[in-house]
């Protein structure tokens, strides 16, 4: 972890995709029940502004993350 404020780390470390953030950087996708899918609205509120993603981008990233997590980590 690059700092105490995880959301700022996402921006500073150049996170490009939600799966990179949740599975590799902060590992929530591996450590919390259901890969964090149940907490997606909270994750969105914290992360979307830091990454500067508009709603369309967020929805595409979330859909891709859900698909990946359900196929490979469920």
N, C-alpha and C. Protein backbone atom coordinates (compact mmCIF):
# COMPACT_ATOMS: atom_id res chain seq x y z
N UNK A 1 0.86 -1.17 0.00
CA UNK A 1 0.00 0.00 0.00
C UNK A 1 0.90 1.22 0.00
N UNK A 2 0.58 2.17 -0.85
CA UNK A 2 1.48 3.31 -0.97
C UNK A 2 1.27 4.36 0.10
N UNK A 3 0.16 4.35 0.78
CA UNK A 3 -0.10 5.40 1.76
C UNK A 3 -1.25 4.99 2.67
N UNK A 4 -1.56 5.83 3.61
CA UNK A 4 -2.66 5.56 4.53
C UNK A 4 -4.02 5.79 3.90
N UNK A 5 -4.08 6.63 2.88
CA UNK A 5 -5.36 6.93 2.24
C UNK A 5 -5.47 6.11 0.96
N UNK A 6 -6.18 5.03 1.02
CA UNK A 6 -6.22 4.06 -0.08
C UNK A 6 -6.75 4.64 -1.37
N UNK A 7 -7.77 5.49 -1.29
CA UNK A 7 -8.34 6.01 -2.53
C UNK A 7 -7.34 6.89 -3.27
N UNK A 8 -6.56 7.68 -2.56
CA UNK A 8 -5.54 8.50 -3.22
C UNK A 8 -4.47 7.62 -3.85
N UNK A 9 -4.19 6.49 -3.25
CA UNK A 9 -3.22 5.56 -3.80
C UNK A 9 -3.66 5.08 -5.18
N UNK A 10 -4.95 4.87 -5.34
CA UNK A 10 -5.47 4.40 -6.62
C UNK A 10 -5.06 5.36 -7.73
N UNK A 11 -5.21 6.62 -7.48
CA UNK A 11 -4.86 7.64 -8.48
C UNK A 11 -3.35 7.73 -8.67
N UNK A 12 -2.62 7.78 -7.58
CA UNK A 12 -1.17 7.94 -7.63
C UNK A 12 -0.47 6.76 -8.28
N UNK A 13 -0.97 5.57 -8.06
CA UNK A 13 -0.33 4.39 -8.62
C UNK A 13 -0.78 4.09 -10.04
N UNK A 14 -1.64 4.91 -10.59
CA UNK A 14 -2.03 4.76 -11.99
C UNK A 14 -2.96 3.59 -12.25
N UNK A 15 -3.88 3.34 -11.34
CA UNK A 15 -4.85 2.27 -11.56
C UNK A 15 -5.64 2.58 -12.82
N UNK A 16 -5.74 1.59 -13.71
CA UNK A 16 -6.43 1.77 -14.97
C UNK A 16 -7.78 1.06 -14.97
N UNK A 17 -7.87 -0.07 -14.25
CA UNK A 17 -9.09 -0.86 -14.22
C UNK A 17 -9.48 -1.22 -12.79
N UNK A 18 -10.76 -1.36 -12.57
CA UNK A 18 -11.27 -1.70 -11.25
C UNK A 18 -10.74 -3.04 -10.77
N UNK A 19 -10.64 -4.02 -11.66
CA UNK A 19 -10.13 -5.32 -11.22
C UNK A 19 -8.69 -5.21 -10.74
N UNK A 20 -7.89 -4.35 -11.35
CA UNK A 20 -6.52 -4.13 -10.89
C UNK A 20 -6.52 -3.59 -9.46
N UNK A 21 -7.38 -2.63 -9.20
CA UNK A 21 -7.47 -2.05 -7.86
C UNK A 21 -7.94 -3.08 -6.84
N UNK A 22 -9.04 -3.77 -7.13
CA UNK A 22 -9.66 -4.64 -6.13
C UNK A 22 -8.97 -5.99 -5.96
N UNK A 23 -8.33 -6.49 -7.00
CA UNK A 23 -7.69 -7.81 -6.91
C UNK A 23 -6.18 -7.73 -6.64
N UNK A 24 -5.53 -6.69 -7.10
CA UNK A 24 -4.07 -6.64 -6.98
C UNK A 24 -3.56 -5.58 -6.01
N UNK A 25 -4.16 -4.41 -6.04
CA UNK A 25 -3.63 -3.31 -5.23
C UNK A 25 -4.09 -3.39 -3.77
N UNK A 26 -5.41 -3.39 -3.55
CA UNK A 26 -5.90 -3.44 -2.17
C UNK A 26 -6.42 -4.82 -1.78
N UNK A 27 -6.56 -5.71 -2.75
CA UNK A 27 -6.90 -7.12 -2.56
C UNK A 27 -8.27 -7.36 -1.92
N UNK A 28 -9.15 -6.37 -1.95
CA UNK A 28 -10.49 -6.58 -1.40
C UNK A 28 -11.22 -7.70 -2.13
N UNK A 29 -11.00 -7.80 -3.42
CA UNK A 29 -11.65 -8.84 -4.21
C UNK A 29 -11.28 -10.24 -3.77
N UNK A 30 -10.16 -10.38 -3.09
CA UNK A 30 -9.70 -11.68 -2.61
C UNK A 30 -9.99 -11.89 -1.13
N UNK A 31 -10.15 -10.82 -0.38
CA UNK A 31 -10.21 -10.94 1.07
C UNK A 31 -11.59 -10.78 1.69
N UNK A 32 -12.49 -10.09 1.03
CA UNK A 32 -13.83 -9.87 1.61
C UNK A 32 -14.83 -10.79 0.95
N UNK A 33 -15.89 -11.14 1.67
CA UNK A 33 -16.91 -12.02 1.11
C UNK A 33 -17.46 -11.49 -0.21
N UNK A 34 -17.71 -12.40 -1.12
CA UNK A 34 -18.31 -12.09 -2.42
C UNK A 34 -17.47 -11.10 -3.22
N UNK A 35 -16.18 -11.05 -2.96
CA UNK A 35 -15.28 -10.21 -3.73
C UNK A 35 -15.54 -8.72 -3.64
N UNK A 36 -16.32 -8.32 -2.62
CA UNK A 36 -16.65 -6.92 -2.47
C UNK A 36 -17.86 -6.48 -3.28
N UNK A 37 -18.44 -7.42 -4.00
CA UNK A 37 -19.58 -7.07 -4.86
C UNK A 37 -20.75 -6.52 -4.05
N UNK A 38 -20.92 -6.99 -2.83
CA UNK A 38 -22.01 -6.49 -1.98
C UNK A 38 -21.75 -5.07 -1.49
N UNK A 39 -20.52 -4.62 -1.59
CA UNK A 39 -20.14 -3.29 -1.11
C UNK A 39 -19.82 -2.33 -2.26
N UNK A 40 -20.26 -2.68 -3.45
CA UNK A 40 -19.86 -1.91 -4.62
C UNK A 40 -20.31 -0.45 -4.57
N UNK A 41 -21.45 -0.15 -3.98
CA UNK A 41 -21.88 1.25 -3.93
C UNK A 41 -20.94 2.06 -3.04
N UNK A 42 -20.48 1.48 -1.95
CA UNK A 42 -19.52 2.17 -1.07
C UNK A 42 -18.17 2.31 -1.75
N UNK A 43 -17.72 1.26 -2.40
CA UNK A 43 -16.45 1.32 -3.13
C UNK A 43 -16.54 2.39 -4.21
N UNK A 44 -17.66 2.44 -4.90
CA UNK A 44 -17.84 3.44 -5.95
C UNK A 44 -17.74 4.85 -5.39
N UNK A 45 -18.41 5.09 -4.27
CA UNK A 45 -18.40 6.43 -3.67
C UNK A 45 -16.99 6.87 -3.30
N UNK A 46 -16.14 5.94 -2.91
CA UNK A 46 -14.77 6.26 -2.51
C UNK A 46 -13.82 6.38 -3.70
N UNK A 47 -13.98 5.50 -4.65
CA UNK A 47 -12.99 5.34 -5.70
C UNK A 47 -13.28 6.16 -6.96
N UNK A 48 -14.53 6.22 -7.36
CA UNK A 48 -14.86 6.89 -8.62
C UNK A 48 -14.34 8.32 -8.69
N UNK A 49 -14.54 9.14 -7.66
CA UNK A 49 -14.02 10.51 -7.75
C UNK A 49 -12.49 10.56 -7.82
N UNK A 50 -11.82 9.68 -7.11
CA UNK A 50 -10.35 9.67 -7.12
C UNK A 50 -9.79 9.33 -8.49
N UNK A 51 -10.46 8.42 -9.19
CA UNK A 51 -9.97 8.01 -10.50
C UNK A 51 -10.49 8.89 -11.62
N UNK A 52 -11.47 9.75 -11.30
CA UNK A 52 -12.00 10.66 -12.30
C UNK A 52 -12.85 9.97 -13.36
N UNK A 53 -13.42 8.83 -13.00
CA UNK A 53 -14.25 8.09 -13.95
C UNK A 53 -15.66 8.63 -13.95
N UNK A 54 -16.24 8.85 -15.12
CA UNK A 54 -17.65 9.24 -15.19
C UNK A 54 -18.51 7.99 -14.96
N UNK A 55 -19.82 8.19 -14.88
CA UNK A 55 -20.71 7.06 -14.57
C UNK A 55 -20.63 5.96 -15.61
N UNK A 56 -20.51 6.34 -16.86
CA UNK A 56 -20.42 5.33 -17.93
C UNK A 56 -19.18 4.46 -17.76
N UNK A 57 -18.06 5.10 -17.46
CA UNK A 57 -16.81 4.35 -17.26
C UNK A 57 -16.93 3.45 -16.03
N UNK A 58 -17.48 3.98 -14.93
CA UNK A 58 -17.63 3.17 -13.73
C UNK A 58 -18.47 1.94 -14.02
N UNK A 59 -19.59 2.12 -14.68
CA UNK A 59 -20.49 1.00 -14.95
C UNK A 59 -19.81 -0.06 -15.81
N UNK A 60 -19.02 0.36 -16.79
CA UNK A 60 -18.28 -0.60 -17.61
C UNK A 60 -17.23 -1.34 -16.79
N UNK A 61 -16.50 -0.62 -15.93
CA UNK A 61 -15.49 -1.24 -15.08
C UNK A 61 -16.12 -2.21 -14.08
N UNK A 62 -17.24 -1.80 -13.49
CA UNK A 62 -17.92 -2.68 -12.53
C UNK A 62 -18.43 -3.94 -13.21
N UNK A 63 -19.01 -3.81 -14.40
CA UNK A 63 -19.50 -4.98 -15.13
C UNK A 63 -18.35 -5.93 -15.47
N UNK A 64 -17.23 -5.39 -15.90
CA UNK A 64 -16.07 -6.22 -16.23
C UNK A 64 -15.54 -6.91 -14.98
N UNK A 65 -15.48 -6.18 -13.86
CA UNK A 65 -15.01 -6.77 -12.60
C UNK A 65 -15.94 -7.89 -12.16
N UNK A 66 -17.24 -7.66 -12.18
CA UNK A 66 -18.21 -8.69 -11.80
C UNK A 66 -18.03 -9.95 -12.63
N UNK A 67 -17.91 -9.77 -13.93
CA UNK A 67 -17.75 -10.91 -14.85
C UNK A 67 -16.47 -11.68 -14.53
N UNK A 68 -15.37 -10.96 -14.37
CA UNK A 68 -14.08 -11.61 -14.05
C UNK A 68 -14.15 -12.32 -12.70
N UNK A 69 -14.65 -11.64 -11.68
CA UNK A 69 -14.67 -12.22 -10.34
C UNK A 69 -15.54 -13.48 -10.33
N UNK A 70 -16.70 -13.41 -10.95
CA UNK A 70 -17.59 -14.57 -10.95
C UNK A 70 -17.02 -15.74 -11.73
N UNK A 71 -16.28 -15.46 -12.79
CA UNK A 71 -15.71 -16.53 -13.61
C UNK A 71 -14.46 -17.14 -12.97
N UNK A 72 -13.64 -16.32 -12.33
CA UNK A 72 -12.33 -16.82 -11.89
C UNK A 72 -12.15 -16.93 -10.37
N UNK A 73 -12.95 -16.21 -9.58
CA UNK A 73 -12.69 -16.16 -8.15
C UNK A 73 -13.86 -16.62 -7.31
N UNK A 74 -15.00 -16.85 -7.89
CA UNK A 74 -16.21 -17.23 -7.17
C UNK A 74 -16.07 -18.62 -6.55
